PDB file of all heavy atoms in Angstrom:
ATOM      1  N   GLN A   1      26.889-142.439  32.639  1.00  0.00           N
ATOM      2  CA  GLN A   1      26.884-143.912  32.853  1.00  0.00           C
ATOM      3  C   GLN A   1      26.440-144.662  31.627  1.00  0.00           C
ATOM      4  O   GLN A   1      26.972-145.695  31.339  1.00  0.00           O
ATOM      5  CB  GLN A   1      25.935-144.201  34.023  1.00  0.00           C
ATOM      6  CG  GLN A   1      26.442-143.699  35.349  1.00  0.00           C
ATOM      7  CD  GLN A   1      25.475-144.072  36.494  1.00  0.00           C
ATOM      8  OE1 GLN A   1      24.784-145.092  36.438  1.00  0.00           O
ATOM      9  NE2 GLN A   1      25.402-143.192  37.491  1.00  0.00           N
ATOM     10  N   VAL A   2      25.528-144.025  30.830  1.00  0.00           N
ATOM     11  CA  VAL A   2      25.114-144.670  29.619  1.00  0.00           C
ATOM     12  C   VAL A   2      26.322-144.746  28.651  1.00  0.00           C
ATOM     13  O   VAL A   2      26.593-145.799  28.022  1.00  0.00           O
ATOM     14  CB  VAL A   2      23.954-143.931  28.877  1.00  0.00           C
ATOM     15  CG1 VAL A   2      23.666-144.518  27.554  1.00  0.00           C
ATOM     16  CG2 VAL A   2      22.744-143.916  29.847  1.00  0.00           C
ATOM     17  N   ILE A   3      27.043-143.622  28.514  1.00  0.00           N
ATOM     18  CA  ILE A   3      28.155-143.599  27.606  1.00  0.00           C
ATOM     19  C   ILE A   3      29.241-144.629  28.004  1.00  0.00           C
ATOM     20  O   ILE A   3      29.815-145.305  27.188  1.00  0.00           O
ATOM     21  CB  ILE A   3      28.765-142.169  27.526  1.00  0.00           C
ATOM     22  CG1 ILE A   3      27.766-141.212  26.891  1.00  0.00           C
ATOM     23  CG2 ILE A   3      30.121-142.176  26.835  1.00  0.00           C
ATOM     24  CD1 ILE A   3      28.139-139.799  26.896  1.00  0.00           C
ATOM     25  N   ALA A   4      29.495-144.649  29.349  1.00  0.00           N
ATOM     26  CA  ALA A   4      30.471-145.600  29.855  1.00  0.00           C
ATOM     27  C   ALA A   4      30.090-147.065  29.492  1.00  0.00           C
ATOM     28  O   ALA A   4      30.899-147.922  29.247  1.00  0.00           O
ATOM     29  CB  ALA A   4      30.596-145.470  31.358  1.00  0.00           C
ATOM     30  N   ARG A   5      28.820-147.355  29.587  1.00  0.00           N
ATOM     31  CA  ARG A   5      28.286-148.668  29.292  1.00  0.00           C
ATOM     32  C   ARG A   5      28.556-148.958  27.832  1.00  0.00           C
ATOM     33  O   ARG A   5      28.976-150.092  27.399  1.00  0.00           O
ATOM     34  CB  ARG A   5      26.814-148.852  29.632  1.00  0.00           C
ATOM     35  CG  ARG A   5      26.284-150.217  29.581  1.00  0.00           C
ATOM     36  CD  ARG A   5      26.429-150.815  30.927  1.00  0.00           C
ATOM     37  NE  ARG A   5      26.021-152.252  30.992  1.00  0.00           N
ATOM     38  CZ  ARG A   5      25.608-152.839  32.052  1.00  0.00           C
ATOM     39  NH1 ARG A   5      25.487-152.218  33.219  1.00  0.00           N
ATOM     40  NH2 ARG A   5      25.245-154.131  32.072  1.00  0.00           N
ATOM     41  N   PHE A   6      28.204-148.006  26.939  1.00  0.00           N
ATOM     42  CA  PHE A   6      28.415-148.176  25.506  1.00  0.00           C
ATOM     43  C   PHE A   6      29.913-148.418  25.208  1.00  0.00           C
ATOM     44  O   PHE A   6      30.221-149.274  24.355  1.00  0.00           O
ATOM     45  CB  PHE A   6      27.910-146.899  24.736  1.00  0.00           C
ATOM     46  CG  PHE A   6      26.478-146.743  24.693  1.00  0.00           C
ATOM     47  CD1 PHE A   6      25.896-145.516  24.236  1.00  0.00           C
ATOM     48  CD2 PHE A   6      25.588-147.799  24.968  1.00  0.00           C
ATOM     49  CE1 PHE A   6      24.513-145.406  24.186  1.00  0.00           C
ATOM     50  CE2 PHE A   6      24.249-147.698  24.891  1.00  0.00           C
ATOM     51  CZ  PHE A   6      23.659-146.470  24.502  1.00  0.00           C
ATOM     52  N   GLU A   7      30.678-147.658  25.809  1.00  0.00           N
ATOM     53  CA  GLU A   7      32.163-147.773  25.584  1.00  0.00           C
ATOM     54  C   GLU A   7      32.674-149.203  25.969  1.00  0.00           C
ATOM     55  O   GLU A   7      33.397-149.854  25.254  1.00  0.00           O
ATOM     56  CB  GLU A   7      32.920-146.717  26.337  1.00  0.00           C
ATOM     57  CG  GLU A   7      32.759-145.310  25.896  1.00  0.00           C
ATOM     58  CD  GLU A   7      33.418-144.281  26.674  1.00  0.00           C
ATOM     59  OE1 GLU A   7      33.622-144.493  27.861  1.00  0.00           O
ATOM     60  OE2 GLU A   7      33.747-143.201  26.149  1.00  0.00           O
ATOM     61  N   ARG A   8      32.154-149.666  27.052  1.00  0.00           N
ATOM     62  CA  ARG A   8      32.523-151.011  27.561  1.00  0.00           C
ATOM     63  C   ARG A   8      32.052-152.080  26.604  1.00  0.00           C
ATOM     64  O   ARG A   8      32.814-153.016  26.318  1.00  0.00           O
ATOM     65  CB  ARG A   8      31.943-151.227  28.911  1.00  0.00           C
ATOM     66  CG  ARG A   8      32.576-152.459  29.634  1.00  0.00           C
ATOM     67  CD  ARG A   8      31.754-152.828  30.924  1.00  0.00           C
ATOM     68  NE  ARG A   8      30.554-153.525  30.642  1.00  0.00           N
ATOM     69  CZ  ARG A   8      29.704-153.844  31.521  1.00  0.00           C
ATOM     70  NH1 ARG A   8      29.881-153.553  32.792  1.00  0.00           N
ATOM     71  NH2 ARG A   8      28.535-154.473  31.195  1.00  0.00           N
ATOM     72  N   ILE A   9      30.844-151.961  26.052  1.00  0.00           N
ATOM     73  CA  ILE A   9      30.327-152.920  25.140  1.00  0.00           C
ATOM     74  C   ILE A   9      31.172-152.991  23.840  1.00  0.00           C
ATOM     75  O   ILE A   9      31.518-153.982  23.365  1.00  0.00           O
ATOM     76  CB  ILE A   9      28.857-152.557  24.819  1.00  0.00           C
ATOM     77  CG1 ILE A   9      27.963-152.774  26.034  1.00  0.00           C
ATOM     78  CG2 ILE A   9      28.339-153.481  23.647  1.00  0.00           C
ATOM     79  CD1 ILE A   9      26.493-152.327  25.882  1.00  0.00           C
ATOM     80  N   ILE A  10      31.441-151.748  23.346  1.00  0.00           N
ATOM     81  CA  ILE A  10      32.218-151.660  22.077  1.00  0.00           C
ATOM     82  C   ILE A  10      33.689-152.247  22.271  1.00  0.00           C
ATOM     83  O   ILE A  10      34.168-152.942  21.469  1.00  0.00           O
ATOM     84  CB  ILE A  10      32.379-150.230  21.615  1.00  0.00           C
ATOM     85  CG1 ILE A  10      30.947-149.748  21.135  1.00  0.00           C
ATOM     86  CG2 ILE A  10      33.413-150.056  20.477  1.00  0.00           C
ATOM     87  CD1 ILE A  10      30.893-148.287  20.780  1.00  0.00           C
ATOM     88  N   GLU A  11      34.291-151.890  23.419  1.00  0.00           N
ATOM     89  CA  GLU A  11      35.605-152.412  23.726  1.00  0.00           C
ATOM     90  C   GLU A  11      35.696-153.877  23.970  1.00  0.00           C
ATOM     91  O   GLU A  11      36.737-154.520  23.757  1.00  0.00           O
ATOM     92  CB  GLU A  11      36.219-151.646  24.877  1.00  0.00           C
ATOM     93  CG  GLU A  11      36.423-150.177  24.669  1.00  0.00           C
ATOM     94  CD  GLU A  11      36.740-149.353  25.917  1.00  0.00           C
ATOM     95  OE1 GLU A  11      36.508-149.964  27.058  1.00  0.00           O
ATOM     96  OE2 GLU A  11      37.165-148.233  25.822  1.00  0.00           O
ATOM     97  N   GLY A  12      34.515-154.444  24.342  1.00  0.00           N
ATOM     98  CA  GLY A  12      34.511-155.850  24.600  1.00  0.00           C
ATOM     99  C   GLY A  12      34.241-156.783  23.407  1.00  0.00           C
ATOM    100  O   GLY A  12      34.210-157.981  23.546  1.00  0.00           O
ATOM    101  N   ARG A  13      33.964-156.220  22.290  1.00  0.00           N
ATOM    102  CA  ARG A  13      33.706-156.965  21.044  1.00  0.00           C
ATOM    103  C   ARG A  13      34.837-156.775  20.064  1.00  0.00           C
ATOM    104  O   ARG A  13      35.364-155.679  20.007  1.00  0.00           O
ATOM    105  CB  ARG A  13      32.328-156.655  20.519  1.00  0.00           C
ATOM    106  CG  ARG A  13      32.166-155.283  20.018  1.00  0.00           C
ATOM    107  CD  ARG A  13      30.695-154.870  19.846  1.00  0.00           C
ATOM    108  NE  ARG A  13      30.512-153.642  19.133  1.00  0.00           N
ATOM    109  CZ  ARG A  13      29.399-152.930  19.133  1.00  0.00           C
ATOM    110  NH1 ARG A  13      28.298-153.439  19.704  1.00  0.00           N
ATOM    111  NH2 ARG A  13      29.271-151.788  18.542  1.00  0.00           N
ATOM    112  N   ASP A  14      35.149-157.734  19.297  1.00  0.00           N
ATOM    113  CA  ASP A  14      36.235-157.670  18.346  1.00  0.00           C
ATOM    114  C   ASP A  14      35.785-157.237  16.975  1.00  0.00           C
ATOM    115  O   ASP A  14      35.640-158.070  16.068  1.00  0.00           O
ATOM    116  CB  ASP A  14      36.889-159.072  18.335  1.00  0.00           C
ATOM    117  CG  ASP A  14      38.236-159.029  17.495  1.00  0.00           C
ATOM    118  OD1 ASP A  14      38.741-157.948  17.297  1.00  0.00           O
ATOM    119  OD2 ASP A  14      38.635-160.137  17.030  1.00  0.00           O
ATOM    120  N   ARG A  15      35.523-155.980  16.834  1.00  0.00           N
ATOM    121  CA  ARG A  15      35.069-155.424  15.510  1.00  0.00           C
ATOM    122  C   ARG A  15      35.991-154.304  15.025  1.00  0.00           C
ATOM    123  O   ARG A  15      35.581-153.609  14.059  1.00  0.00           O
ATOM    124  CB  ARG A  15      33.676-154.950  15.648  1.00  0.00           C
ATOM    125  CG  ARG A  15      32.657-156.031  15.979  1.00  0.00           C
ATOM    126  CD  ARG A  15      31.214-155.451  15.925  1.00  0.00           C
ATOM    127  NE  ARG A  15      30.205-156.356  16.560  1.00  0.00           N
ATOM    128  CZ  ARG A  15      28.962-155.975  16.769  1.00  0.00           C
ATOM    129  NH1 ARG A  15      28.546-154.756  16.380  1.00  0.00           N
ATOM    130  NH2 ARG A  15      28.135-156.802  17.379  1.00  0.00           N
ATOM    131  N   ASN A  16      37.135-154.098  15.658  1.00  0.00           N
ATOM    132  CA  ASN A  16      38.008-153.030  15.164  1.00  0.00           C
ATOM    133  C   ASN A  16      37.323-151.649  15.109  1.00  0.00           C
ATOM    134  O   ASN A  16      37.320-150.969  14.097  1.00  0.00           O
ATOM    135  CB  ASN A  16      38.611-153.331  13.843  1.00  0.00           C
ATOM    136  CG  ASN A  16      39.769-152.457  13.462  1.00  0.00           C
ATOM    137  OD1 ASN A  16      40.469-151.969  14.338  1.00  0.00           O
ATOM    138  ND2 ASN A  16      40.000-152.230  12.208  1.00  0.00           N
ATOM    139  N   GLU A  17      36.636-151.209  16.265  1.00  0.00           N
ATOM    140  CA  GLU A  17      35.871-150.097  16.299  1.00  0.00           C
ATOM    141  C   GLU A  17      36.488-148.998  17.217  1.00  0.00           C
ATOM    142  O   GLU A  17      37.492-149.277  17.959  1.00  0.00           O
ATOM    143  CB  GLU A  17      34.441-150.379  16.741  1.00  0.00           C
ATOM    144  CG  GLU A  17      33.700-151.363  15.899  1.00  0.00           C
ATOM    145  CD  GLU A  17      32.385-151.742  16.577  1.00  0.00           C
ATOM    146  OE1 GLU A  17      32.485-152.584  17.502  1.00  0.00           O
ATOM    147  OE2 GLU A  17      31.346-151.296  16.130  1.00  0.00           O
ATOM    148  N   THR A  18      35.944-147.774  17.213  1.00  0.00           N
ATOM    149  CA  THR A  18      36.306-146.731  18.045  1.00  0.00           C
ATOM    150  C   THR A  18      35.126-146.366  18.957  1.00  0.00           C
ATOM    151  O   THR A  18      33.971-146.548  18.526  1.00  0.00           O
ATOM    152  CB  THR A  18      36.771-145.483  17.322  1.00  0.00           C
ATOM    153  OG1 THR A  18      37.079-144.396  18.219  1.00  0.00           O
ATOM    154  CG2 THR A  18      35.734-145.050  16.278  1.00  0.00           C
ATOM    155  N   THR A  19      35.396-145.865  20.154  1.00  0.00           N
ATOM    156  CA  THR A  19      34.367-145.415  20.974  1.00  0.00           C
ATOM    157  C   THR A  19      34.062-143.870  20.899  1.00  0.00           C
ATOM    158  O   THR A  19      33.308-143.376  21.640  1.00  0.00           O
ATOM    159  CB  THR A  19      34.682-145.762  22.501  1.00  0.00           C
ATOM    160  OG1 THR A  19      35.911-145.110  22.880  1.00  0.00           O
ATOM    161  CG2 THR A  19      34.838-147.295  22.642  1.00  0.00           C
ATOM    162  N   ASP A  20      34.748-143.255  19.986  1.00  0.00           N
ATOM    163  CA  ASP A  20      34.675-141.846  19.873  1.00  0.00           C
ATOM    164  C   ASP A  20      33.176-141.343  19.643  1.00  0.00           C
ATOM    165  O   ASP A  20      32.775-140.323  20.271  1.00  0.00           O
ATOM    166  CB  ASP A  20      35.530-141.279  18.742  1.00  0.00           C
ATOM    167  CG  ASP A  20      36.992-141.376  18.998  1.00  0.00           C
ATOM    168  OD1 ASP A  20      37.370-141.674  20.213  1.00  0.00           O
ATOM    169  OD2 ASP A  20      37.797-141.281  18.085  1.00  0.00           O
ATOM    170  N   ASN A  21      32.484-142.051  18.817  1.00  0.00           N
ATOM    171  CA  ASN A  21      31.110-141.583  18.480  1.00  0.00           C
ATOM    172  C   ASN A  21      30.145-141.629  19.645  1.00  0.00           C
ATOM    173  O   ASN A  21      29.301-140.749  19.830  1.00  0.00           O
ATOM    174  CB  ASN A  21      30.520-142.449  17.383  1.00  0.00           C
ATOM    175  CG  ASN A  21      31.171-142.192  16.041  1.00  0.00           C
ATOM    176  OD1 ASN A  21      32.070-141.377  15.944  1.00  0.00           O
ATOM    177  ND2 ASN A  21      30.758-142.833  14.972  1.00  0.00           N
ATOM    178  N   VAL A  22      30.239-142.665  20.496  1.00  0.00           N
ATOM    179  CA  VAL A  22      29.207-142.829  21.554  1.00  0.00           C
ATOM    180  C   VAL A  22      29.412-141.699  22.615  1.00  0.00           C
ATOM    181  O   VAL A  22      28.469-141.430  23.363  1.00  0.00           O
ATOM    182  CB  VAL A  22      29.274-144.159  22.230  1.00  0.00           C
ATOM    183  CG1 VAL A  22      28.922-145.241  21.204  1.00  0.00           C
ATOM    184  CG2 VAL A  22      30.606-144.489  22.851  1.00  0.00           C
ATOM    185  N   ARG A  23      30.514-141.034  22.640  1.00  0.00           N
ATOM    186  CA  ARG A  23      30.741-139.983  23.637  1.00  0.00           C
ATOM    187  C   ARG A  23      29.901-138.823  23.360  1.00  0.00           C
ATOM    188  O   ARG A  23      29.683-137.868  24.202  1.00  0.00           O
ATOM    189  CB  ARG A  23      32.240-139.537  23.617  1.00  0.00           C
ATOM    190  CG  ARG A  23      33.137-140.641  24.092  1.00  0.00           C
ATOM    191  CD  ARG A  23      34.621-140.322  23.830  1.00  0.00           C
ATOM    192  NE  ARG A  23      35.495-141.456  24.145  1.00  0.00           N
ATOM    193  CZ  ARG A  23      36.760-141.490  23.886  1.00  0.00           C
ATOM    194  NH1 ARG A  23      37.391-140.472  23.334  1.00  0.00           N
ATOM    195  NH2 ARG A  23      37.435-142.591  24.174  1.00  0.00           N
ATOM    196  N   PHE A  24      29.239-138.771  22.157  1.00  0.00           N
ATOM    197  CA  PHE A  24      28.368-137.649  21.782  1.00  0.00           C
ATOM    198  C   PHE A  24      26.887-138.068  22.076  1.00  0.00           C
ATOM    199  O   PHE A  24      26.027-137.237  21.689  1.00  0.00           O
ATOM    200  CB  PHE A  24      28.568-137.281  20.335  1.00  0.00           C
ATOM    201  CG  PHE A  24      29.902-136.662  20.047  1.00  0.00           C
ATOM    202  CD1 PHE A  24      31.051-137.347  19.780  1.00  0.00           C
ATOM    203  CD2 PHE A  24      29.979-135.214  20.069  1.00  0.00           C
ATOM    204  CE1 PHE A  24      32.233-136.735  19.544  1.00  0.00           C
ATOM    205  CE2 PHE A  24      31.207-134.590  19.789  1.00  0.00           C
ATOM    206  CZ  PHE A  24      32.364-135.347  19.569  1.00  0.00           C
ATOM    207  N   TRP A  25      26.654-139.244  22.618  1.00  0.00           N
ATOM    208  CA  TRP A  25      25.220-139.654  22.831  1.00  0.00           C
ATOM    209  C   TRP A  25      24.584-138.633  23.727  1.00  0.00           C
ATOM    210  O   TRP A  25      25.146-138.236  24.733  1.00  0.00           O
ATOM    211  CB  TRP A  25      25.250-141.054  23.441  1.00  0.00           C
ATOM    212  CG  TRP A  25      23.913-141.643  23.639  1.00  0.00           C
ATOM    213  CD1 TRP A  25      23.149-142.371  22.766  1.00  0.00           C
ATOM    214  CD2 TRP A  25      23.116-141.541  24.781  1.00  0.00           C
ATOM    215  NE1 TRP A  25      22.002-142.706  23.282  1.00  0.00           N
ATOM    216  CE2 TRP A  25      21.895-142.272  24.546  1.00  0.00           C
ATOM    217  CE3 TRP A  25      23.241-140.959  26.048  1.00  0.00           C
ATOM    218  CZ2 TRP A  25      20.871-142.375  25.464  1.00  0.00           C
ATOM    219  CZ3 TRP A  25      22.248-141.084  27.026  1.00  0.00           C
ATOM    220  CH2 TRP A  25      21.024-141.753  26.643  1.00  0.00           C
ATOM    221  N   LYS A  26      23.329-138.260  23.401  1.00  0.00           N
ATOM    222  CA  LYS A  26      22.623-137.268  24.197  1.00  0.00           C
ATOM    223  C   LYS A  26      21.303-137.793  24.815  1.00  0.00           C
ATOM    224  O   LYS A  26      20.953-137.435  25.904  1.00  0.00           O
ATOM    225  CB  LYS A  26      22.323-136.040  23.326  1.00  0.00           C
ATOM    226  CG  LYS A  26      23.553-135.325  22.829  1.00  0.00           C
ATOM    227  CD  LYS A  26      23.228-134.057  22.059  1.00  0.00           C
ATOM    228  CE  LYS A  26      22.663-134.418  20.709  1.00  0.00           C
ATOM    229  NZ  LYS A  26      23.632-135.033  19.846  1.00  0.00           N
ATOM    230  N   SER A  27      20.598-138.708  24.071  1.00  0.00           N
ATOM    231  CA  SER A  27      19.261-139.203  24.556  1.00  0.00           C
ATOM    232  C   SER A  27      18.882-140.370  23.758  1.00  0.00           C
ATOM    233  O   SER A  27      19.594-140.707  22.704  1.00  0.00           O
ATOM    234  CB  SER A  27      18.259-138.069  24.421  1.00  0.00           C
ATOM    235  OG  SER A  27      17.926-137.827  23.079  1.00  0.00           O
ATOM    236  N   THR A  28      17.835-140.998  24.125  1.00  0.00           N
ATOM    237  CA  THR A  28      17.403-142.215  23.397  1.00  0.00           C
ATOM    238  C   THR A  28      16.849-141.873  22.077  1.00  0.00           C
ATOM    239  O   THR A  28      16.879-142.706  21.110  1.00  0.00           O
ATOM    240  CB  THR A  28      16.290-142.980  24.217  1.00  0.00           C
ATOM    241  OG1 THR A  28      15.101-142.094  24.216  1.00  0.00           O
ATOM    242  CG2 THR A  28      16.779-143.307  25.604  1.00  0.00           C
ATOM    243  N   GLY A  29      16.254-140.666  21.893  1.00  0.00           N
ATOM    244  CA  GLY A  29      15.668-140.282  20.613  1.00  0.00           C
ATOM    245  C   GLY A  29      14.309-141.027  20.419  1.00  0.00           C
ATOM    246  O   GLY A  29      13.797-140.995  19.351  1.00  0.00           O
ATOM    247  N   VAL A  30      13.817-141.679  21.420  1.00  0.00           N
ATOM    248  CA  VAL A  30      12.552-142.420  21.291  1.00  0.00           C
ATOM    249  C   VAL A  30      11.538-141.752  22.275  1.00  0.00           C
ATOM    250  O   VAL A  30      11.584-142.095  23.494  1.00  0.00           O
ATOM    251  CB  VAL A  30      12.704-143.928  21.624  1.00  0.00           C
ATOM    252  CG1 VAL A  30      11.418-144.671  21.472  1.00  0.00           C
ATOM    253  CG2 VAL A  30      13.796-144.592  20.779  1.00  0.00           C
ATOM    254  N   PRO A  31      10.646-140.924  21.802  1.00  0.00           N
ATOM    255  CA  PRO A  31       9.702-140.273  22.720  1.00  0.00           C
ATOM    256  C   PRO A  31       8.791-141.289  23.425  1.00  0.00           C
ATOM    257  O   PRO A  31       8.420-140.990  24.582  1.00  0.00           O
ATOM    258  CB  PRO A  31       8.870-139.381  21.726  1.00  0.00           C
ATOM    259  CG  PRO A  31       9.815-139.161  20.634  1.00  0.00           C
ATOM    260  CD  PRO A  31      10.546-140.416  20.426  1.00  0.00           C
TER     261      PRO A  31
END
């Protein structure tokens, strides 16, 4: 669900980006 949200955010802004990277998201990285 986090990845899906990231993909939606990226797709909704006009920055000529790809969503490939966020599919590898694993955790917040903030202990």
